[in-house]
Amino acid sequence: MEDSYGDNFSKLALAATSAQIAKIYCVKEFGVGEDLTFNFMGWNNDELVIICQMTKEMMKIHPDERLEKCTMLVNTLRKYWGITAITMVAEGYCSMDPEKTKGVELAKAFAKPDSGVEECLTLTHAELFDDNSIEVNLVALPYTYQLGKTVSWFEMLSWPNKASSVLRNSKYPIMLEKSLKIQIDESEIPPEAYDELRRQMTESGFHMQEFF
């Protein structure tokens, strides 16, 4: 891609805008309640090099199996595509009043009136820096549905370098951080080996779009 994104906030800004647009079109086409599937944006320094989207069929499998497939995907992107940052986009819930919902399961609280819980797009961004330190940032884009298959957005919420402590299920930010610690395969890999990797990723339930 021609555009470059030199810091994690510019990467998150692009991911957030893309996710909002995707959500708006998804609701217009399929109706209220239609969720986005998992998306993974792989970055090599300041360039976006690949986007992988989990299929709807794979989103229906057991959460543990889903995590395993996502782990295999991100590990492959790190080792063979050499990504230095990864942004995960997923649907979820967030509390507009954390004290009020402390210790409460957000999905159940959402069903109650005036709970202070909203549906949201969650962006988890892990980035490896030159000193080998890793930051994992979290952004939430709360929304509500309106008449006419439209989406109304609340103010963006962000937690710099605190994803694993904020998310109720921290398995994914921990997984992203661990994946970036994997050593890149520096050996010269023939094109047909990458074709096989792409085939395996597709069979594991991911659509892929590369930008190089």
C-alpha atoms as a PDB file:
ATOM      1  CA  MET A   1       0.000   0.000   0.000  1.00  0.00           C
ATOM      2  CA  GLU A   2       1.121   3.565  -0.634  1.00  0.00           C
ATOM      3  CA  ASP A   3      -0.020   4.942   2.708  1.00  0.00           C
ATOM      4  CA  SER A   4       2.163   4.422   5.759  1.00  0.00           C
ATOM      5  CA  TYR A   5       1.190   4.404   9.419  1.00  0.00           C
ATOM      6  CA  GLY A   6       4.167   5.103  11.627  1.00  0.00           C
ATOM      7  CA  ASP A   7       2.605   4.698  15.090  1.00  0.00           C
ATOM      8  CA  ASN A   8       0.064   2.456  16.746  1.00  0.00           C
ATOM      9  CA  PHE A   9      -2.538   5.238  17.030  1.00  0.00           C
ATOM     10  CA  SER A  10      -2.603   5.880  13.276  1.00  0.00           C
ATOM     11  CA  LYS A  11      -2.929   2.131  12.706  1.00  0.00           C
ATOM     12  CA  LEU A  12      -5.826   2.004  15.171  1.00  0.00           C
ATOM     13  CA  ALA A  13      -7.452   5.013  13.497  1.00  0.00           C
ATOM     14  CA  LEU A  14      -7.420   3.268  10.116  1.00  0.00           C
ATOM     15  CA  ALA A  15      -8.745   0.040  11.644  1.00  0.00           C
ATOM     16  CA  ALA A  16     -11.494   1.902  13.508  1.00  0.00           C
ATOM     17  CA  THR A  17     -12.667   3.794  10.428  1.00  0.00           C
ATOM     18  CA  SER A  18     -12.620   0.633   8.308  1.00  0.00           C
ATOM     19  CA  ALA A  19     -14.535  -1.322  10.957  1.00  0.00           C
ATOM     20  CA  GLN A  20     -17.205   1.357  11.291  1.00  0.00           C
ATOM     21  CA  ILE A  21     -17.735   1.492   7.529  1.00  0.00           C
ATOM     22  CA  ALA A  22     -17.922  -2.308   7.366  1.00  0.00           C
ATOM     23  CA  LYS A  23     -20.470  -2.376  10.209  1.00  0.00           C
ATOM     24  CA  ILE A  24     -22.646   0.273   8.568  1.00  0.00           C
ATOM     25  CA  TYR A  25     -22.752  -1.583   5.249  1.00  0.00           C
ATOM     26  CA  CYS A  26     -23.249  -4.936   6.981  1.00  0.00           C
ATOM     27  CA  VAL A  27     -26.343  -3.646   8.811  1.00  0.00           C
ATOM     28  CA  LYS A  28     -27.742  -1.989   5.689  1.00  0.00           C
ATOM     29  CA  GLU A  29     -27.384  -5.186   3.689  1.00  0.00           C
ATOM     30  CA  PHE A  30     -28.276  -7.862   6.244  1.00  0.00           C
ATOM     31  CA  GLY A  31     -30.259  -5.972   8.874  1.00  0.00           C
ATOM     32  CA  VAL A  32     -30.048  -5.024  12.542  1.00  0.00           C
ATOM     33  CA  GLY A  33     -28.131  -7.474  14.699  1.00  0.00           C
ATOM     34  CA  GLU A  34     -25.761  -8.649  11.981  1.00  0.00           C
ATOM     35  CA  ASP A  35     -22.293  -8.901  13.545  1.00  0.00           C
ATOM     36  CA  LEU A  36     -18.922  -8.542  11.899  1.00  0.00           C
ATOM     37  CA  THR A  37     -16.718 -11.607  11.966  1.00  0.00           C
ATOM     38  CA  PHE A  38     -13.177 -11.510  13.387  1.00  0.00           C
ATOM     39  CA  ASN A  39     -10.733  -9.447  11.339  1.00  0.00           C
ATOM     40  CA  PHE A  40      -6.946  -9.401  11.681  1.00  0.00           C
ATOM     41  CA  MET A  41      -4.885  -6.609  10.129  1.00  0.00           C
ATOM     42  CA  GLY A  42      -1.190  -7.467   9.835  1.00  0.00           C
ATOM     43  CA  TRP A  43       1.382  -4.668   9.738  1.00  0.00           C
ATOM     44  CA  ASN A  44       5.040  -4.692   8.781  1.00  0.00           C
ATOM     45  CA  ASN A  45       6.471  -1.608  10.498  1.00  0.00           C
ATOM     46  CA  ASP A  46       4.434   1.279   9.050  1.00  0.00           C
ATOM     47  CA  GLU A  47       2.686  -0.614   6.230  1.00  0.00           C
ATOM     48  CA  LEU A  48      -0.482  -2.686   6.194  1.00  0.00           C
ATOM     49  CA  VAL A  49       0.479  -5.920   4.425  1.00  0.00           C
ATOM     50  CA  ILE A  50      -2.444  -8.319   4.958  1.00  0.00           C
ATOM     51  CA  ILE A  51      -6.020  -8.564   6.230  1.00  0.00           C
ATOM     52  CA  CYS A  52      -7.559 -11.901   7.233  1.00  0.00           C
ATOM     53  CA  GLN A  53     -11.263 -12.277   7.963  1.00  0.00           C
ATOM     54  CA  MET A  54     -12.789 -15.325   9.633  1.00  0.00           C
ATOM     55  CA  THR A  55     -15.720 -16.850   7.765  1.00  0.00           C
ATOM     56  CA  LYS A  56     -19.216 -16.854   9.241  1.00  0.00           C
ATOM     57  CA  GLU A  57     -19.136 -20.637   9.419  1.00  0.00           C
ATOM     58  CA  MET A  58     -15.991 -20.641  11.570  1.00  0.00           C
ATOM     59  CA  MET A  59     -17.451 -17.994  13.883  1.00  0.00           C
ATOM     60  CA  LYS A  60     -20.017 -20.609  14.927  1.00  0.00           C
ATOM     61  CA  ILE A  61     -17.514 -23.175  16.229  1.00  0.00           C
ATOM     62  CA  HIS A  62     -16.655 -23.612  19.927  1.00  0.00           C
ATOM     63  CA  PRO A  63     -14.797 -20.559  21.347  1.00  0.00           C
ATOM     64  CA  ASP A  64     -11.765 -22.675  22.288  1.00  0.00           C
ATOM     65  CA  GLU A  65     -11.465 -24.024  18.739  1.00  0.00           C
ATOM     66  CA  ARG A  66     -11.910 -20.509  17.380  1.00  0.00           C
ATOM     67  CA  LEU A  67      -9.091 -19.222  19.565  1.00  0.00           C
ATOM     68  CA  GLU A  68      -6.869 -22.087  18.394  1.00  0.00           C
ATOM     69  CA  LYS A  69      -7.486 -21.235  14.729  1.00  0.00           C
ATOM     70  CA  CYS A  70      -6.836 -17.539  15.348  1.00  0.00           C
ATOM     71  CA  THR A  71      -3.609 -18.390  17.175  1.00  0.00           C
ATOM     72  CA  MET A  72      -2.394 -20.505  14.262  1.00  0.00           C
ATOM     73  CA  LEU A  73      -3.241 -17.684  11.849  1.00  0.00           C
ATOM     74  CA  VAL A  74      -1.436 -14.941  13.772  1.00  0.00           C
ATOM     75  CA  ASN A  75       1.589 -17.161  14.453  1.00  0.00           C
ATOM     76  CA  THR A  76       1.850 -17.863  10.722  1.00  0.00           C
ATOM     77  CA  LEU A  77       1.600 -14.167   9.868  1.00  0.00           C
ATOM     78  CA  ARG A  78       4.368 -13.373  12.344  1.00  0.00           C
ATOM     79  CA  LYS A  79       6.732 -16.168  11.316  1.00  0.00           C
ATOM     80  CA  TYR A  80       6.333 -16.090   7.533  1.00  0.00           C
ATOM     81  CA  TRP A  81       4.894 -12.652   6.699  1.00  0.00           C
ATOM     82  CA  GLY A  82       7.121 -10.934   9.264  1.00  0.00           C
ATOM     83  CA  ILE A  83       4.399  -8.763  10.778  1.00  0.00           C
ATOM     84  CA  THR A  84       5.481  -6.422  13.566  1.00  0.00           C
ATOM     85  CA  ALA A  85       1.962  -5.431  14.641  1.00  0.00           C
ATOM     86  CA  ILE A  86      -1.493  -6.972  14.537  1.00  0.00           C
ATOM     87  CA  THR A  87      -4.909  -5.371  14.953  1.00  0.00           C
ATOM     88  CA  MET A  88      -7.879  -7.574  15.807  1.00  0.00           C
ATOM     89  CA  VAL A  89     -11.438  -6.329  15.222  1.00  0.00           C
ATOM     90  CA  ALA A  90     -14.310  -8.118  16.970  1.00  0.00           C
ATOM     91  CA  GLU A  91     -17.827  -7.513  18.229  1.00  0.00           C
ATOM     92  CA  GLY A  92     -18.423  -7.220  21.954  1.00  0.00           C
ATOM     93  CA  TYR A  93     -19.969  -5.268  24.805  1.00  0.00           C
ATOM     94  CA  CYS A  94     -18.610  -2.371  26.822  1.00  0.00           C
ATOM     95  CA  SER A  95     -19.726  -0.607  29.967  1.00  0.00           C
ATOM     96  CA  MET A  96     -20.294   3.125  29.902  1.00  0.00           C
ATOM     97  CA  ASP A  97     -20.213   3.005  33.723  1.00  0.00           C
ATOM     98  CA  PRO A  98     -17.514   0.490  34.804  1.00  0.00           C
ATOM     99  CA  GLU A  99     -18.203   0.935  38.523  1.00  0.00           C
ATOM    100  CA  LYS A 100     -21.873   0.112  38.038  1.00  0.00           C
ATOM    101  CA  THR A 101     -21.127  -3.090  36.125  1.00  0.00           C
ATOM    102  CA  LYS A 102     -18.119  -4.274  38.110  1.00  0.00           C
ATOM    103  CA  GLY A 103     -18.200  -8.067  38.319  1.00  0.00           C
ATOM    104  CA  VAL A 104     -21.289  -8.269  36.079  1.00  0.00           C
ATOM    105  CA  GLU A 105     -21.383 -10.288  32.848  1.00  0.00           C
ATOM    106  CA  LEU A 106     -21.814  -7.578  30.225  1.00  0.00           C
ATOM    107  CA  ALA A 107     -23.758  -9.688  27.726  1.00  0.00           C
ATOM    108  CA  LYS A 108     -26.435 -10.406  30.358  1.00  0.00           C
ATOM    109  CA  ALA A 109     -26.427  -6.831  31.653  1.00  0.00           C
ATOM    110  CA  PHE A 110     -27.013  -5.506  28.134  1.00  0.00           C
ATOM    111  CA  ALA A 111     -30.466  -7.099  28.080  1.00  0.00           C
ATOM    112  CA  LYS A 112     -31.572  -4.996  31.055  1.00  0.00           C
ATOM    113  CA  PRO A 113     -32.852  -1.417  30.617  1.00  0.00           C
ATOM    114  CA  ASP A 114     -30.520   1.400  31.704  1.00  0.00           C
ATOM    115  CA  SER A 115     -27.695  -1.036  32.393  1.00  0.00           C
ATOM    116  CA  GLY A 116     -25.066   1.299  30.987  1.00  0.00           C
ATOM    117  CA  VAL A 117     -23.848  -1.487  28.694  1.00  0.00           C
ATOM    118  CA  GLU A 118     -23.693  -1.023  24.943  1.00  0.00           C
ATOM    119  CA  GLU A 119     -22.731  -3.196  22.014  1.00  0.00           C
ATOM    120  CA  CYS A 120     -19.391  -2.229  20.523  1.00  0.00           C
ATOM    121  CA  LEU A 121     -16.661  -2.996  18.058  1.00  0.00           C
ATOM    122  CA  THR A 122     -13.512  -3.892  19.952  1.00  0.00           C
ATOM    123  CA  LEU A 123     -10.082  -3.209  18.449  1.00  0.00           C
ATOM    124  CA  THR A 124      -7.131  -4.901  20.119  1.00  0.00           C
ATOM    125  CA  HIS A 125      -3.773  -3.734  18.754  1.00  0.00           C
ATOM    126  CA  ALA A 126      -0.456  -5.363  19.649  1.00  0.00           C
ATOM    127  CA  GLU A 127       2.782  -3.801  18.385  1.00  0.00           C
ATOM    128  CA  LEU A 128       6.422  -4.844  18.655  1.00  0.00           C
ATOM    129  CA  PHE A 129       8.947  -2.003  18.912  1.00  0.00           C
ATOM    130  CA  ASP A 130      12.649  -1.787  18.058  1.00  0.00           C
ATOM    131  CA  ASP A 131      13.640  -2.361  21.692  1.00  0.00           C
ATOM    132  CA  ASN A 132      11.611  -5.622  21.676  1.00  0.00           C
ATOM    133  CA  SER A 133       8.972  -4.157  23.961  1.00  0.00           C
ATOM    134  CA  ILE A 134       5.339  -4.878  23.102  1.00  0.00           C
ATOM    135  CA  GLU A 135       2.314  -2.670  23.714  1.00  0.00           C
ATOM    136  CA  VAL A 136      -1.245  -3.978  23.594  1.00  0.00           C
ATOM    137  CA  ASN A 137      -3.801  -1.190  23.212  1.00  0.00           C
ATOM    138  CA  LEU A 138      -7.576  -1.432  23.290  1.00  0.00           C
ATOM    139  CA  VAL A 139     -10.204   0.739  21.607  1.00  0.00           C
ATOM    140  CA  ALA A 140     -13.974   0.291  21.870  1.00  0.00           C
ATOM    141  CA  LEU A 141     -16.478   1.813  19.446  1.00  0.00           C
ATOM    142  CA  PRO A 142     -19.866   1.665  21.219  1.00  0.00           C
ATOM    143  CA  TYR A 143     -22.941   1.800  19.003  1.00  0.00           C
ATOM    144  CA  THR A 144     -26.691   1.435  18.988  1.00  0.00           C
ATOM    145  CA  TYR A 145     -29.107   0.587  16.191  1.00  0.00           C
ATOM    146  CA  GLN A 146     -31.569   3.153  14.862  1.00  0.00           C
ATOM    147  CA  LEU A 147     -34.587   2.976  12.568  1.00  0.00           C
ATOM    148  CA  GLY A 148     -33.918   2.384   8.900  1.00  0.00           C
ATOM    149  CA  LYS A 149     -31.075  -0.090   9.417  1.00  0.00           C
ATOM    150  CA  THR A 150     -28.681   2.592  10.595  1.00  0.00           C
ATOM    151  CA  VAL A 151     -25.966   2.613  13.258  1.00  0.00           C
ATOM    152  CA  SER A 152     -25.441   5.452  15.729  1.00  0.00           C
ATOM    153  CA  TRP A 153     -21.979   5.705  17.313  1.00  0.00           C
ATOM    154  CA  PHE A 154     -21.047   6.841  20.804  1.00  0.00           C
ATOM    155  CA  GLU A 155     -17.723   8.443  21.674  1.00  0.00           C
ATOM    156  CA  MET A 156     -14.713   6.191  21.196  1.00  0.00           C
ATOM    157  CA  LEU A 157     -13.256   4.640  24.360  1.00  0.00           C
ATOM    158  CA  SER A 158      -9.547   3.816  24.611  1.00  0.00           C
ATOM    159  CA  TRP A 159      -7.226   2.095  27.075  1.00  0.00           C
ATOM    160  CA  PRO A 160      -3.564   2.557  26.037  1.00  0.00           C
ATOM    161  CA  ASN A 161      -1.450  -0.506  26.843  1.00  0.00           C
ATOM    162  CA  LYS A 162      -4.162  -1.983  29.086  1.00  0.00           C
ATOM    163  CA  ALA A 163      -6.050  -4.415  26.845  1.00  0.00           C
ATOM    164  CA  SER A 164      -5.527  -7.539  28.955  1.00  0.00           C
ATOM    165  CA  SER A 165      -6.589  -5.775  32.163  1.00  0.00           C
ATOM    166  CA  VAL A 166      -9.756  -4.217  30.681  1.00  0.00           C
ATOM    167  CA  LEU A 167     -11.184  -7.043  28.593  1.00  0.00           C
ATOM    168  CA  ARG A 168     -13.195  -9.580  30.598  1.00  0.00           C
ATOM    169  CA  ASN A 169     -11.814 -12.306  28.325  1.00  0.00           C
ATOM    170  CA  SER A 170      -8.117 -11.493  27.959  1.00  0.00           C
ATOM    171  CA  LYS A 171      -7.178 -14.608  25.980  1.00  0.00           C
ATOM    172  CA  TYR A 172      -6.944 -12.735  22.691  1.00  0.00           C
ATOM    173  CA  PRO A 173      -4.691  -9.837  23.751  1.00  0.00           C
ATOM    174  CA  ILE A 174      -2.417 -12.348  25.503  1.00  0.00           C
ATOM    175  CA  MET A 175      -2.375 -14.468  22.337  1.00  0.00           C
ATOM    176  CA  LEU A 176      -1.500 -11.465  20.141  1.00  0.00           C
ATOM    177  CA  GLU A 177       1.347 -10.464  22.433  1.00  0.00           C
ATOM    178  CA  LYS A 178       2.779 -13.992  22.505  1.00  0.00           C
ATOM    179  CA  SER A 179       2.605 -14.247  18.733  1.00  0.00           C
ATOM    180  CA  LEU A 180       4.758 -11.159  18.253  1.00  0.00           C
ATOM    181  CA  LYS A 181       7.483 -12.798  20.375  1.00  0.00           C
ATOM    182  CA  ILE A 182       7.888 -15.582  17.807  1.00  0.00           C
ATOM    183  CA  GLN A 183      11.094 -15.366  15.764  1.00  0.00           C
ATOM    184  CA  ILE A 184      10.649 -14.530  12.081  1.00  0.00           C
ATOM    185  CA  ASP A 185      11.750 -17.248   9.676  1.00  0.00           C
ATOM    186  CA  GLU A 186      14.712 -15.560   7.959  1.00  0.00           C
ATOM    187  CA  SER A 187      15.303 -18.385   5.467  1.00  0.00           C
ATOM    188  CA  GLU A 188      14.380 -17.907   1.826  1.00  0.00           C
ATOM    189  CA  ILE A 189      11.009 -19.557   1.311  1.00  0.00           C
ATOM    190  CA  PRO A 190       9.953 -20.520  -2.234  1.00  0.00           C
ATOM    191  CA  PRO A 191       6.724 -19.032  -3.636  1.00  0.00           C
ATOM    192  CA  GLU A 192       5.033 -22.449  -3.714  1.00  0.00           C
ATOM    193  CA  ALA A 193       5.535 -22.733   0.066  1.00  0.00           C
ATOM    194  CA  TYR A 194       3.596 -19.491   0.515  1.00  0.00           C
ATOM    195  CA  ASP A 195       0.902 -20.826  -1.784  1.00  0.00           C
ATOM    196  CA  GLU A 196       0.580 -23.817   0.543  1.00  0.00           C
ATOM    197  CA  LEU A 197       0.389 -21.534   3.595  1.00  0.00           C
ATOM    198  CA  ARG A 198      -2.349 -19.499   1.920  1.00  0.00           C
ATOM    199  CA  ARG A 199      -4.253 -22.695   1.128  1.00  0.00           C
ATOM    200  CA  GLN A 200      -3.993 -23.862   4.736  1.00  0.00           C
ATOM    201  CA  MET A 201      -5.187 -20.490   6.047  1.00  0.00           C
ATOM    202  CA  THR A 202      -8.149 -20.543   3.665  1.00  0.00           C
ATOM    203  CA  GLU A 203      -9.048 -24.087   4.715  1.00  0.00           C
ATOM    204  CA  SER A 204      -8.839 -22.984   8.351  1.00  0.00           C
ATOM    205  CA  GLY A 205     -11.665 -20.534   7.670  1.00  0.00           C
ATOM    206  CA  PHE A 206     -10.094 -17.207   6.703  1.00  0.00           C
ATOM    207  CA  HIS A 207     -10.505 -14.913   3.726  1.00  0.00           C
ATOM    208  CA  MET A 208      -7.218 -13.169   2.881  1.00  0.00           C
ATOM    209  CA  GLN A 209      -6.280  -9.929   1.149  1.00  0.00           C
ATOM    210  CA  GLU A 210      -2.619  -9.042   0.687  1.00  0.00           C
ATOM    211  CA  PHE A 211      -1.203  -5.620  -0.172  1.00  0.00           C
ATOM    212  CA  PHE A 212       2.305  -6.366  -1.456  1.00  0.00           C
END
